[in-house]
Amino acid sequence: MTAISAKDIMTLRVRTSAGMMDAKRALQEASGDMEKAAELLRQWGAGRADAKMSNEMKEGLIGGKIGHDGKVGVLVRLSSQTDFVARNEAFIKILHDLVELAFANKVDTPAELNVLAWPDGSGRSVENVVKELAGGTIKENMAITGVARFESTGGPGEVGRYVHHNDKVGALVQVDGGGGDVVRILARELAMHITAGMPFVPIAISRDKVDSAILEREKRIAAEGIAGKPPLLADKIIAGRLEKFFADNVLLEQPFVKDEKKRIRDILADASRAVSAKLEIIRFARFKVGEV
């Protein structure tokens, strides 16, 4: 068996973040060849991570970034099995790297981010690197479970981001029609509101954007218990119940989390007047650790 020096083991450990015994074994099987040993560790790390895929990932962290001009923003959720692992320096570092990769590349799904090349010239994909970390240093299943990237390109606009102080929930919002401090603050306030999820996490920006299947279901629910009532009264009851549904679940209809006397449509109108332009909420995304 090839004699392996402690120096070579340490060099391989620093390079791959592998454990001491794994690094030693890889060097022995590769007859001391550092490149072959590193490749073996990548294979073993991916295999171990794949073997753990059945374990649920209920923990993790959310990271994000907004460009200096406010026109590009990203949000990434990296999931793990335990909060202990999510607070590991290696986990935090790779989340930061993933945010930078998502920001620099036009990807907006985990699948698209996973196939990007890791920027170290090794030829590994993002997915390979995540699996290596899971099977090596982390020794626990982890995966990219949420990616959003918004870019305002059709004229003036701002992308706002908010991540709660515990890094467990956050939102990204795109507002078009104007720029500058007023719109930048508005976009961040909207992201904060959506992050809070009060009274509920919005399911659509406006009434006309509510999924037709959801709307039909709510109409059936609203009509329950009104059999035998006069038609005019029945219609009024159904309309009232649907209004409550819209107020709870449609973003523009929701009471603003920082001032419940105003609805989101009101603060959007206030900002529009302030910049003398018609502002429009284009899209939003919300990620929470542990959710699908």
Foldseek 3Di string as FASTA:
>chain_A
DADDDPVQLVVLCVVQVFDSVLSVVLCVVVSNDSVSSNVVLLVQLLVLLVVQVVQDFQDAFKDKDADPQQFKIKIWTKTWNDVVLNPDPVNVVLNVVLRVQCRVDVDWAQVVQQQPARPPPPRHGNVSSQSSCCSGNSVTHMGTHGMGMGGDDPADWGKEKDAPPVRFKIKIWIKDWHDDDLRHVLNNLLRVQQRVQVVHNAPEQAPVGHDPVVVVVLLVVQQPPCPPPPPVVSVVSSVVSVLVVCQNHHQQNDQRPVGSVDGSVVSQVVSCVVGVTRMDTDDMDMGGRRDD
